[in-house]
N, C-alpha and C. Protein backbone atom coordinates (compact mmCIF):
# COMPACT_ATOMS: atom_id res chain seq x y z
N MET A 1 4.74 -15.41 -22.74
CA MET A 1 3.83 -14.60 -21.78
C MET A 1 3.28 -15.92 -20.83
N THR A 2 3.41 -15.97 -19.55
CA THR A 2 3.09 -17.03 -19.10
C THR A 2 1.76 -16.94 -18.37
N GLU A 3 0.90 -17.90 -18.33
CA GLU A 3 -0.34 -17.79 -17.83
C GLU A 3 -0.43 -17.36 -16.44
N LEU A 4 -1.59 -16.89 -16.13
CA LEU A 4 -2.02 -16.52 -14.71
C LEU A 4 -3.11 -17.40 -14.11
N THR A 5 -2.58 -18.78 -13.93
CA THR A 5 -3.60 -19.62 -13.33
C THR A 5 -2.73 -19.88 -11.85
N ILE A 6 -3.82 -20.50 -10.98
CA ILE A 6 -3.42 -20.82 -9.65
C ILE A 6 -2.35 -21.67 -9.51
N ASP A 7 -2.23 -22.59 -10.61
CA ASP A 7 -1.38 -23.74 -10.52
C ASP A 7 0.05 -23.05 -10.89
N ASN A 8 -0.21 -22.35 -12.09
CA ASN A 8 1.43 -21.88 -12.18
C ASN A 8 1.78 -20.83 -11.13
N LEU A 9 1.07 -20.47 -10.41
CA LEU A 9 1.46 -19.32 -9.52
C LEU A 9 1.89 -19.97 -8.10
N LEU A 10 1.41 -21.16 -8.14
CA LEU A 10 1.61 -21.73 -6.77
C LEU A 10 2.96 -22.58 -6.79
N THR A 11 3.37 -22.64 -8.21
CA THR A 11 4.77 -23.25 -8.31
C THR A 11 5.69 -22.36 -7.97
N LYS A 12 5.39 -21.10 -7.66
CA LYS A 12 6.21 -19.65 -7.37
C LYS A 12 6.39 -19.79 -5.96
N ALA A 13 5.46 -20.11 -5.06
CA ALA A 13 5.34 -19.88 -3.77
C ALA A 13 5.03 -21.11 -3.08
N LYS A 14 5.32 -21.34 -1.71
CA LYS A 14 4.99 -22.52 -1.08
C LYS A 14 3.41 -22.88 -0.86
N ASN A 15 2.94 -21.73 -0.58
CA ASN A 15 1.21 -21.71 -0.20
C ASN A 15 0.50 -20.92 -0.96
N LYS A 16 -0.61 -20.74 -0.71
CA LYS A 16 -1.34 -19.42 -1.17
C LYS A 16 -1.32 -18.12 -0.31
N PHE A 17 -1.03 -18.70 1.08
CA PHE A 17 -0.95 -17.46 2.06
C PHE A 17 0.18 -16.59 1.55
N LEU A 18 1.36 -17.20 1.15
CA LEU A 18 2.69 -16.41 0.73
C LEU A 18 2.25 -15.78 -0.44
N LEU A 19 2.03 -16.49 -1.39
CA LEU A 19 1.60 -15.94 -2.97
C LEU A 19 0.79 -14.62 -2.75
N VAL A 20 -0.52 -14.77 -1.64
CA VAL A 20 -1.39 -13.65 -1.74
C VAL A 20 -0.56 -12.45 -0.83
N ASN A 21 0.07 -12.78 0.07
CA ASN A 21 0.86 -11.56 0.73
C ASN A 21 2.01 -11.12 -0.08
N ALA A 22 2.56 -11.89 -0.88
CA ALA A 22 3.54 -11.28 -1.91
C ALA A 22 3.01 -10.36 -3.06
N ALA A 23 1.74 -10.89 -3.48
CA ALA A 23 1.06 -10.05 -4.43
C ALA A 23 0.54 -8.81 -4.04
N ALA A 24 0.19 -8.71 -2.73
CA ALA A 24 -0.47 -7.83 -2.03
C ALA A 24 0.70 -6.79 -1.79
N GLY A 25 1.64 -7.23 -1.20
CA GLY A 25 3.02 -6.08 -0.98
C GLY A 25 3.09 -5.55 -2.24
N ARG A 26 3.46 -6.26 -3.47
CA ARG A 26 3.94 -5.88 -4.51
C ARG A 26 2.87 -4.83 -5.02
N ALA A 27 1.80 -5.27 -5.15
CA ALA A 27 0.40 -4.26 -5.45
C ALA A 27 0.54 -2.91 -4.87
N LYS A 28 0.77 -2.94 -3.72
CA LYS A 28 0.78 -1.61 -2.73
C LYS A 28 2.03 -0.69 -3.44
N GLN A 29 2.97 -1.50 -3.68
CA GLN A 29 4.17 -0.94 -4.20
C GLN A 29 4.01 -0.12 -5.48
N ILE A 30 3.09 -0.99 -6.41
CA ILE A 30 2.87 -0.48 -7.65
C ILE A 30 1.79 0.70 -7.48
N ALA A 31 1.03 0.55 -6.74
CA ALA A 31 -0.37 1.59 -6.45
C ALA A 31 0.44 2.94 -6.02
N GLU A 32 1.59 2.77 -5.23
CA GLU A 32 2.19 3.93 -4.80
C GLU A 32 3.36 4.61 -5.66
N GLY A 33 3.28 4.00 -6.97
CA GLY A 33 4.05 4.67 -7.72
C GLY A 33 5.35 3.77 -8.56
N SER A 34 5.54 2.66 -8.06
CA SER A 34 6.72 1.91 -8.43
C SER A 34 6.59 1.22 -9.78
N LEU A 35 7.36 1.67 -10.76
CA LEU A 35 7.19 1.10 -12.02
C LEU A 35 6.89 -0.60 -12.06
N PRO A 36 6.21 -0.99 -12.98
CA PRO A 36 6.03 -2.65 -13.08
C PRO A 36 7.47 -2.97 -13.83
N TYR A 37 7.73 -4.45 -13.65
CA TYR A 37 8.86 -5.10 -14.20
C TYR A 37 8.45 -5.96 -15.23
N VAL A 38 7.23 -5.78 -15.65
CA VAL A 38 6.64 -6.62 -16.81
C VAL A 38 6.20 -5.51 -17.95
N ASP A 39 6.28 -5.97 -19.12
CA ASP A 39 5.90 -5.07 -20.32
C ASP A 39 4.21 -4.92 -20.35
N ASN A 40 3.74 -6.04 -20.13
CA ASN A 40 2.34 -6.32 -20.41
C ASN A 40 1.38 -6.00 -18.95
N PHE A 41 1.81 -5.09 -18.36
CA PHE A 41 1.02 -4.57 -16.92
C PHE A 41 -0.25 -4.11 -17.38
N ASP A 42 -1.21 -3.96 -16.43
CA ASP A 42 -2.69 -3.71 -16.33
C ASP A 42 -2.58 -2.27 -15.43
N PRO A 43 -2.64 -0.91 -16.15
CA PRO A 43 -2.62 0.14 -15.51
C PRO A 43 -3.56 0.60 -14.59
N THR A 44 -4.91 -0.40 -14.83
CA THR A 44 -5.96 0.17 -13.84
C THR A 44 -6.00 -1.11 -12.57
N ASN A 45 -4.95 -1.91 -12.80
CA ASN A 45 -5.31 -3.09 -11.65
C ASN A 45 -3.95 -3.46 -11.20
N ALA A 46 -3.23 -2.82 -10.11
CA ALA A 46 -1.96 -3.32 -9.63
C ALA A 46 -1.83 -4.79 -9.22
N VAL A 47 -3.01 -5.55 -8.67
CA VAL A 47 -2.82 -6.64 -8.38
C VAL A 47 -2.66 -7.65 -9.49
N ILE A 48 -3.34 -7.40 -10.68
CA ILE A 48 -2.96 -8.30 -11.95
C ILE A 48 -1.29 -7.91 -12.31
N THR A 49 -0.98 -6.97 -12.23
CA THR A 49 0.56 -6.70 -12.53
C THR A 49 1.25 -7.35 -11.59
N ALA A 50 1.02 -7.28 -10.37
CA ALA A 50 1.85 -8.03 -9.27
C ALA A 50 1.93 -9.72 -9.68
N LEU A 51 0.68 -9.97 -9.90
CA LEU A 51 0.69 -11.49 -10.04
C LEU A 51 1.28 -11.70 -11.45
N ARG A 52 1.31 -10.88 -12.62
CA ARG A 52 1.85 -11.03 -13.77
C ARG A 52 3.41 -11.23 -13.36
N GLU A 53 4.12 -10.28 -12.51
CA GLU A 53 5.33 -10.26 -12.22
C GLU A 53 5.91 -11.36 -11.67
N ILE A 54 5.09 -12.00 -10.53
CA ILE A 54 5.28 -13.01 -10.09
C ILE A 54 5.24 -14.51 -11.09
N ALA A 55 4.53 -14.34 -11.69
CA ALA A 55 4.18 -15.55 -12.78
C ALA A 55 5.55 -15.39 -13.96
N ALA A 56 6.09 -14.14 -14.12
CA ALA A 56 7.23 -14.12 -15.13
C ALA A 56 8.45 -14.13 -14.29
N ASP A 57 8.54 -14.68 -13.01
CA ASP A 57 9.60 -14.81 -12.36
C ASP A 57 10.66 -13.36 -12.01
N LYS A 58 9.96 -12.26 -11.98
CA LYS A 58 10.52 -10.93 -12.06
C LYS A 58 10.55 -10.64 -10.43
N ILE A 59 9.65 -11.58 -9.71
CA ILE A 59 9.44 -11.23 -8.02
C ILE A 59 9.73 -12.72 -7.57
N ARG A 60 10.63 -12.81 -6.71
CA ARG A 60 10.75 -14.23 -6.28
C ARG A 60 10.35 -14.16 -4.61
N ILE A 61 9.77 -15.19 -4.38
CA ILE A 61 8.96 -15.24 -3.00
C ILE A 61 9.88 -16.22 -2.25
N LYS A 62 10.34 -15.69 -0.91
CA LYS A 62 11.33 -16.46 -0.03
C LYS A 62 10.83 -16.46 1.29
N VAL A 63 10.89 -17.27 2.16
CA VAL A 63 10.49 -17.18 3.61
C VAL A 63 11.77 -16.91 4.57
N LEU A 64 11.72 -15.90 5.36
CA LEU A 64 12.78 -15.82 5.96
C LEU A 64 12.76 -16.33 7.42
N THR A 65 13.82 -17.00 7.94
CA THR A 65 13.83 -17.56 9.18
C THR A 65 15.05 -17.25 10.16
N GLY A 66 14.63 -17.34 11.20
CA GLY A 66 15.83 -17.19 12.35
C GLY A 66 16.02 -15.58 12.58
N PRO A 67 17.07 -15.36 12.74
CA PRO A 67 17.71 -13.93 13.02
C PRO A 67 17.43 -12.85 11.80
N ALA A 68 17.49 -13.57 10.47
CA ALA A 68 17.17 -12.67 9.44
C ALA A 68 15.87 -12.08 9.51
N ALA A 69 14.97 -13.09 9.77
CA ALA A 69 13.30 -12.80 9.78
C ALA A 69 13.05 -11.75 10.93
N LYS A 70 13.79 -11.78 11.93
CA LYS A 70 13.38 -10.92 13.01
C LYS A 70 13.80 -9.33 12.76
N LYS A 71 15.08 -9.38 11.91
CA LYS A 71 15.80 -8.10 11.60
C LYS A 71 14.94 -7.58 10.55
N ALA A 72 14.38 -8.24 9.33
CA ALA A 72 13.50 -7.62 8.41
C ALA A 72 12.34 -7.10 9.08
N ALA A 73 11.73 -7.94 10.12
CA ALA A 73 10.44 -7.56 10.66
C ALA A 73 10.42 -6.21 11.58
N GLN A 74 11.72 -5.91 12.08
CA GLN A 74 11.99 -4.82 12.95
C GLN A 74 12.19 -3.72 11.84
N GLU A 75 12.80 -4.02 10.76
CA GLU A 75 13.20 -2.68 9.84
C GLU A 75 11.68 -2.27 9.17
N LEU A 76 11.07 -3.29 8.97
CA LEU A 76 9.64 -3.00 8.42
C LEU A 76 8.89 -2.08 9.54
N ILE A 77 8.96 -2.62 10.68
CA ILE A 77 8.00 -1.74 11.71
C ILE A 77 8.61 -0.10 11.92
N VAL A 78 9.96 -0.10 11.73
CA VAL A 78 10.48 0.99 11.77
C VAL A 78 10.13 1.94 10.74
N ALA A 79 10.30 1.30 9.36
CA ALA A 79 10.16 2.00 8.13
C ALA A 79 8.40 2.38 8.32
N GLU A 80 7.60 1.46 8.89
CA GLU A 80 6.08 2.09 8.66
C GLU A 80 5.88 2.95 9.77
N ALA A 81 6.45 2.85 10.92
CA ALA A 81 5.97 4.01 11.85
C ALA A 81 6.85 5.23 11.38
N GLU A 82 7.95 5.41 10.65
CA GLU A 82 8.37 6.67 10.17
C GLU A 82 7.64 7.28 8.97
N SER A 83 7.04 6.42 8.26
CA SER A 83 6.00 6.80 7.20
C SER A 83 4.67 6.98 7.37
N VAL A 84 4.26 6.93 8.69
CA VAL A 84 2.94 7.18 9.03
C VAL A 84 2.51 8.39 8.95
N ALA A 85 1.69 9.02 8.12
CA ALA A 85 1.28 10.29 7.72
C ALA A 85 0.21 10.69 8.84
N PRO A 86 0.16 12.06 9.29
CA PRO A 86 -1.15 12.29 10.14
C PRO A 86 -2.32 12.21 9.63
N SER A 87 -3.16 11.87 10.53
CA SER A 87 -4.70 11.57 9.81
C SER A 87 -5.21 13.00 9.27
N ALA A 88 -6.24 12.92 8.56
CA ALA A 88 -6.95 14.29 7.93
C ALA A 88 -7.31 15.18 9.23
N LEU A 89 -7.86 14.64 10.34
CA LEU A 89 -8.16 15.42 11.57
C LEU A 89 -7.01 16.08 12.19
N GLU A 90 -5.89 15.43 12.26
CA GLU A 90 -4.78 16.12 12.60
C GLU A 90 -4.33 17.24 11.73
N ARG A 91 -4.24 16.88 10.64
CA ARG A 91 -3.77 18.14 9.55
C ARG A 91 -4.70 19.05 9.75
N LEU A 92 -6.15 19.05 9.78
CA LEU A 92 -7.05 20.16 10.00
C LEU A 92 -6.78 20.84 11.37
N ALA A 93 -6.55 20.10 12.53
CA ALA A 93 -6.38 20.67 13.57
C ALA A 93 -5.06 21.53 13.67
N LYS A 94 -3.98 21.31 13.17
CA LYS A 94 -2.73 21.85 13.02
C LYS A 94 -2.91 23.13 12.24
N GLY A 95 -3.78 22.99 11.02
CA GLY A 95 -3.92 24.15 10.25
C GLY A 95 -4.78 25.22 10.83
N LYS A 96 -5.54 24.95 11.61
CA LYS A 96 -6.66 26.01 12.37
C LYS A 96 -6.02 26.42 13.68
N GLU A 97 -4.84 27.14 13.40
CA GLU A 97 -4.34 27.85 14.72
C GLU A 97 -5.15 29.13 15.10
N LYS A 98 -5.63 29.90 14.08
CA LYS A 98 -6.20 31.15 14.62
C LYS A 98 -7.84 30.88 14.62
N LYS A 99 -8.54 31.59 15.48
CA LYS A 99 -9.88 31.20 15.41
C LYS A 99 -10.51 32.22 14.71
N ALA A 100 -11.75 31.89 14.08
CA ALA A 100 -12.56 32.81 13.32
C ALA A 100 -13.09 33.61 13.86
N ALA A 101 -13.37 34.91 13.45
CA ALA A 101 -14.22 35.86 14.37
C ALA A 101 -15.61 35.37 14.26
N PRO A 102 -16.15 35.58 15.52
CA PRO A 102 -17.57 35.35 15.61
C PRO A 102 -18.60 36.24 14.62
N VAL A 103 -19.25 35.76 14.23
CA VAL A 103 -20.15 36.48 13.06
C VAL A 103 -21.57 36.71 13.96
N LYS A 104 -21.71 38.30 13.86
CA LYS A 104 -22.87 38.80 14.41
C LYS A 104 -24.26 38.96 13.67
N LYS A 105 -25.09 38.46 14.63
CA LYS A 105 -26.56 38.15 14.03
C LYS A 105 -26.98 39.57 13.94
N LYS A 106 -27.97 39.71 12.66
CA LYS A 106 -28.49 41.10 12.74
C LYS A 106 -30.03 40.83 13.55
N GLU A 107 -30.42 41.94 14.20
CA GLU A 107 -31.73 41.90 14.98
C GLU A 107 -32.76 42.17 14.03
N LYS A 108 -33.77 41.81 14.18
CA LYS A 108 -35.04 42.09 13.30
C LYS A 108 -35.75 43.16 13.92
N LYS A 109 -36.19 44.31 13.09
CA LYS A 109 -36.81 45.45 13.77
C LYS A 109 -38.13 45.21 13.83
N LYS A 110 -38.85 45.74 14.86
CA LYS A 110 -40.24 45.46 15.25
C LYS A 110 -41.12 46.76 14.65
N LYS A 111 -42.23 46.40 14.17
CA LYS A 111 -43.19 47.09 13.52
C LYS A 111 -44.07 47.72 14.37
């Protein structure tokens, strides 16, 4: 098993920014239900699992440049736009199509 030290992890990426972005992206995938690539994963912490995958060379970090980067960015934007779920307020507004009947108030009797 490889150690989770910052020095070990920085050998896998060019800088801390790339390392953090790769770990965050993979942690998001794990949190959404993706199966981990390592046997010693932490079921309660997706970030630790993502860092262990990077340390074990199960995830490679590379920087895309040129037209490949633009194409990947456009695909990411399109994928995010398609997967945007309506907010809770929008779901409630769509579900409330018919109005509730008004409640009548009881009048107090005078003595």
